[in-house]
Amino acid sequence: MGNYRDGHIAAAKSNFDYAVDLMLSSGLDIKKRSGLSEEFDRIVDAVNTLELDALKQGKRAAPAAEPTPVDVANEITFPSTRM
């Protein structure tokens, strides 16, 4: 949040992407754990809101050449484990 507040939008986006990468590579099944899933969704929603606010103010991070971790996370599906 510090980079965002200081107007360093590209650095803030990089910090966020790194944090999401850590969560997704942690080995925890975020989607199966309701508390983690809700917190993950809350974080993603909050960052999306901040990014929209930054765009409205004319601040913009450099366009990404590849999908961001958020894009990847939104497309993740987990196999059903029926017993």
N, C-alpha and C. Protein backbone atom coordinates (compact mmCIF):
# COMPACT_ATOMS: atom_id res chain seq x y z
N MET A 1 0.82 -1.19 0.00
CA MET A 1 0.00 0.00 0.00
C MET A 1 0.87 1.26 0.00
N GLY A 2 2.05 1.19 0.58
CA GLY A 2 2.91 2.36 0.63
C GLY A 2 3.27 2.88 -0.74
N ASN A 3 3.63 1.97 -1.65
CA ASN A 3 3.96 2.41 -3.00
C ASN A 3 2.75 3.04 -3.68
N TYR A 4 1.57 2.47 -3.47
CA TYR A 4 0.36 3.05 -4.06
C TYR A 4 0.11 4.45 -3.51
N ARG A 5 0.17 4.59 -2.19
CA ARG A 5 -0.07 5.90 -1.57
C ARG A 5 0.94 6.94 -2.04
N ASP A 6 2.17 6.49 -2.29
CA ASP A 6 3.22 7.41 -2.72
C ASP A 6 3.18 7.68 -4.22
N GLY A 7 2.21 7.07 -4.92
CA GLY A 7 2.06 7.31 -6.35
C GLY A 7 2.94 6.45 -7.23
N HIS A 8 3.55 5.43 -6.66
CA HIS A 8 4.40 4.52 -7.44
C HIS A 8 3.56 3.33 -7.89
N ILE A 9 2.73 3.58 -8.88
CA ILE A 9 1.73 2.61 -9.29
C ILE A 9 2.37 1.33 -9.85
N ALA A 10 3.39 1.47 -10.68
CA ALA A 10 4.03 0.28 -11.25
C ALA A 10 4.66 -0.57 -10.15
N ALA A 11 5.30 0.07 -9.17
CA ALA A 11 5.90 -0.67 -8.06
C ALA A 11 4.83 -1.33 -7.21
N ALA A 12 3.72 -0.63 -6.99
CA ALA A 12 2.61 -1.20 -6.20
C ALA A 12 2.04 -2.43 -6.90
N LYS A 13 1.90 -2.34 -8.22
CA LYS A 13 1.38 -3.49 -8.98
C LYS A 13 2.36 -4.66 -8.90
N SER A 14 3.64 -4.36 -8.96
CA SER A 14 4.66 -5.40 -8.85
C SER A 14 4.60 -6.06 -7.47
N ASN A 15 4.44 -5.24 -6.41
CA ASN A 15 4.31 -5.78 -5.05
C ASN A 15 3.10 -6.70 -4.95
N PHE A 16 1.99 -6.26 -5.51
CA PHE A 16 0.77 -7.06 -5.46
C PHE A 16 0.95 -8.38 -6.21
N ASP A 17 1.53 -8.30 -7.42
CA ASP A 17 1.74 -9.51 -8.21
C ASP A 17 2.62 -10.50 -7.45
N TYR A 18 3.64 -10.00 -6.78
CA TYR A 18 4.53 -10.86 -6.00
C TYR A 18 3.77 -11.52 -4.86
N ALA A 19 2.94 -10.76 -4.17
CA ALA A 19 2.16 -11.30 -3.06
C ALA A 19 1.20 -12.38 -3.54
N VAL A 20 0.56 -12.15 -4.66
CA VAL A 20 -0.37 -13.15 -5.21
C VAL A 20 0.41 -14.40 -5.63
N ASP A 21 1.58 -14.20 -6.24
CA ASP A 21 2.42 -15.36 -6.61
C ASP A 21 2.75 -16.19 -5.38
N LEU A 22 3.11 -15.53 -4.28
CA LEU A 22 3.42 -16.25 -3.05
C LEU A 22 2.23 -17.07 -2.56
N MET A 23 1.05 -16.45 -2.58
CA MET A 23 -0.15 -17.16 -2.13
C MET A 23 -0.44 -18.36 -3.01
N LEU A 24 -0.33 -18.17 -4.32
CA LEU A 24 -0.68 -19.25 -5.24
C LEU A 24 0.36 -20.37 -5.24
N SER A 25 1.60 -20.05 -4.91
CA SER A 25 2.65 -21.08 -4.91
C SER A 25 2.89 -21.65 -3.51
N SER A 26 2.08 -21.27 -2.56
CA SER A 26 2.27 -21.70 -1.17
C SER A 26 1.97 -23.18 -0.95
N GLY A 27 1.24 -23.77 -1.86
CA GLY A 27 0.85 -25.16 -1.69
C GLY A 27 -0.49 -25.29 -0.95
N LEU A 28 -1.00 -24.18 -0.44
CA LEU A 28 -2.31 -24.21 0.22
C LEU A 28 -3.41 -24.19 -0.83
N ASP A 29 -4.46 -24.91 -0.57
CA ASP A 29 -5.59 -24.94 -1.49
C ASP A 29 -6.51 -23.78 -1.12
N ILE A 30 -6.23 -22.62 -1.68
CA ILE A 30 -6.94 -21.39 -1.34
C ILE A 30 -8.43 -21.52 -1.59
N LYS A 31 -8.80 -22.13 -2.69
CA LYS A 31 -10.22 -22.22 -3.05
C LYS A 31 -11.01 -23.15 -2.13
N LYS A 32 -10.36 -24.14 -1.52
CA LYS A 32 -11.06 -25.07 -0.65
C LYS A 32 -11.19 -24.56 0.78
N ARG A 33 -10.34 -23.66 1.19
CA ARG A 33 -10.38 -23.14 2.56
C ARG A 33 -11.16 -21.84 2.54
N SER A 34 -12.36 -21.87 3.10
CA SER A 34 -13.26 -20.73 2.98
C SER A 34 -12.63 -19.44 3.51
N GLY A 35 -11.95 -19.49 4.63
CA GLY A 35 -11.33 -18.27 5.17
C GLY A 35 -10.28 -17.71 4.23
N LEU A 36 -9.43 -18.58 3.68
CA LEU A 36 -8.40 -18.13 2.75
C LEU A 36 -9.02 -17.65 1.44
N SER A 37 -10.01 -18.39 0.97
CA SER A 37 -10.66 -18.01 -0.27
C SER A 37 -11.31 -16.63 -0.15
N GLU A 38 -12.00 -16.42 0.95
CA GLU A 38 -12.65 -15.11 1.16
C GLU A 38 -11.62 -14.00 1.27
N GLU A 39 -10.53 -14.24 1.98
CA GLU A 39 -9.49 -13.22 2.14
C GLU A 39 -8.81 -12.95 0.80
N PHE A 40 -8.52 -14.00 0.06
CA PHE A 40 -7.92 -13.84 -1.26
C PHE A 40 -8.81 -12.99 -2.17
N ASP A 41 -10.10 -13.33 -2.19
CA ASP A 41 -11.06 -12.57 -3.00
C ASP A 41 -11.14 -11.11 -2.53
N ARG A 42 -11.11 -10.89 -1.21
CA ARG A 42 -11.17 -9.54 -0.67
C ARG A 42 -9.95 -8.73 -1.11
N ILE A 43 -8.78 -9.35 -1.06
CA ILE A 43 -7.55 -8.67 -1.47
C ILE A 43 -7.60 -8.32 -2.95
N VAL A 44 -7.99 -9.29 -3.77
CA VAL A 44 -8.07 -9.05 -5.21
C VAL A 44 -9.07 -7.93 -5.51
N ASP A 45 -10.22 -7.96 -4.88
CA ASP A 45 -11.22 -6.90 -5.08
C ASP A 45 -10.68 -5.54 -4.66
N ALA A 46 -10.00 -5.48 -3.52
CA ALA A 46 -9.46 -4.21 -3.03
C ALA A 46 -8.41 -3.66 -3.98
N VAL A 47 -7.55 -4.52 -4.48
CA VAL A 47 -6.51 -4.06 -5.41
C VAL A 47 -7.13 -3.62 -6.73
N ASN A 48 -8.13 -4.34 -7.19
CA ASN A 48 -8.81 -3.92 -8.42
C ASN A 48 -9.44 -2.54 -8.24
N THR A 49 -10.02 -2.29 -7.08
CA THR A 49 -10.61 -0.97 -6.79
C THR A 49 -9.53 0.10 -6.81
N LEU A 50 -8.40 -0.17 -6.17
CA LEU A 50 -7.29 0.79 -6.16
C LEU A 50 -6.78 1.06 -7.57
N GLU A 51 -6.69 0.00 -8.37
CA GLU A 51 -6.21 0.17 -9.74
C GLU A 51 -7.19 1.01 -10.57
N LEU A 52 -8.49 0.78 -10.39
CA LEU A 52 -9.48 1.60 -11.10
C LEU A 52 -9.39 3.06 -10.66
N ASP A 53 -9.22 3.28 -9.36
CA ASP A 53 -9.07 4.66 -8.87
C ASP A 53 -7.84 5.32 -9.47
N ALA A 54 -6.75 4.57 -9.57
CA ALA A 54 -5.52 5.12 -10.15
C ALA A 54 -5.74 5.48 -11.62
N LEU A 55 -6.45 4.61 -12.34
CA LEU A 55 -6.73 4.90 -13.75
C LEU A 55 -7.58 6.16 -13.90
N LYS A 56 -8.57 6.32 -13.01
CA LYS A 56 -9.43 7.50 -13.05
C LYS A 56 -8.63 8.78 -12.80
N GLN A 57 -7.58 8.66 -11.98
CA GLN A 57 -6.74 9.82 -11.66
C GLN A 57 -5.64 10.02 -12.70
N GLY A 58 -5.61 9.18 -13.72
CA GLY A 58 -4.62 9.32 -14.77
C GLY A 58 -3.31 8.64 -14.46
N LYS A 59 -3.25 7.90 -13.37
CA LYS A 59 -2.04 7.16 -13.04
C LYS A 59 -2.19 5.78 -13.62
N ARG A 60 -1.15 5.29 -14.21
CA ARG A 60 -1.27 3.98 -14.83
C ARG A 60 0.06 3.25 -14.79
N ALA A 61 0.00 1.99 -14.46
CA ALA A 61 1.19 1.15 -14.51
C ALA A 61 1.46 0.78 -15.96
N ALA A 62 2.68 0.46 -16.25
CA ALA A 62 3.03 0.04 -17.61
C ALA A 62 2.24 -1.23 -17.95
N PRO A 63 1.76 -1.33 -19.18
CA PRO A 63 0.98 -2.52 -19.55
C PRO A 63 1.81 -3.79 -19.41
N ALA A 64 1.17 -4.83 -18.94
CA ALA A 64 1.85 -6.11 -18.74
C ALA A 64 1.97 -6.84 -20.07
N ALA A 65 3.11 -7.45 -20.29
CA ALA A 65 3.32 -8.21 -21.52
C ALA A 65 2.76 -9.62 -21.40
N GLU A 66 2.52 -10.05 -20.18
CA GLU A 66 1.99 -11.39 -19.94
C GLU A 66 0.89 -11.30 -18.89
N PRO A 67 0.08 -12.34 -18.75
CA PRO A 67 -1.00 -12.30 -17.76
C PRO A 67 -0.45 -12.10 -16.35
N THR A 68 -1.16 -11.31 -15.57
CA THR A 68 -0.77 -11.09 -14.18
C THR A 68 -1.19 -12.29 -13.35
N PRO A 69 -0.63 -12.44 -12.16
CA PRO A 69 -1.06 -13.53 -11.29
C PRO A 69 -2.56 -13.51 -11.00
N VAL A 70 -3.14 -12.32 -10.94
CA VAL A 70 -4.58 -12.23 -10.71
C VAL A 70 -5.34 -12.85 -11.87
N ASP A 71 -4.89 -12.55 -13.10
CA ASP A 71 -5.54 -13.16 -14.26
C ASP A 71 -5.45 -14.67 -14.20
N VAL A 72 -4.28 -15.17 -13.84
CA VAL A 72 -4.08 -16.61 -13.73
C VAL A 72 -4.95 -17.18 -12.62
N ALA A 73 -4.97 -16.51 -11.47
CA ALA A 73 -5.74 -16.99 -10.32
C ALA A 73 -7.22 -17.05 -10.63
N ASN A 74 -7.71 -16.10 -11.38
CA ASN A 74 -9.14 -16.08 -11.71
C ASN A 74 -9.53 -17.23 -12.63
N GLU A 75 -8.55 -17.82 -13.31
CA GLU A 75 -8.84 -18.92 -14.23
C GLU A 75 -8.58 -20.29 -13.61
N ILE A 76 -8.10 -20.32 -12.38
CA ILE A 76 -7.77 -21.60 -11.74
C ILE A 76 -9.04 -22.37 -11.38
N THR A 77 -9.02 -23.62 -11.71
CA THR A 77 -10.07 -24.52 -11.27
C THR A 77 -9.41 -25.69 -10.58
N PHE A 78 -10.08 -26.23 -9.61
CA PHE A 78 -9.54 -27.35 -8.86
C PHE A 78 -10.38 -28.58 -9.13
N PRO A 79 -9.70 -29.73 -9.25
CA PRO A 79 -10.46 -30.96 -9.53
C PRO A 79 -11.37 -31.31 -8.37
N SER A 80 -12.49 -31.91 -8.71
CA SER A 80 -13.42 -32.37 -7.70
C SER A 80 -12.87 -33.66 -7.10
N THR A 81 -12.95 -33.73 -5.77
CA THR A 81 -12.47 -34.94 -5.10
C THR A 81 -13.66 -35.63 -4.45
N ARG A 82 -14.29 -36.50 -5.20
CA ARG A 82 -15.43 -37.25 -4.71
C ARG A 82 -14.95 -38.57 -4.14
N MET A 83 -15.54 -38.93 -3.05
CA MET A 83 -15.15 -40.19 -2.42
C MET A 83 -16.29 -41.16 -2.46
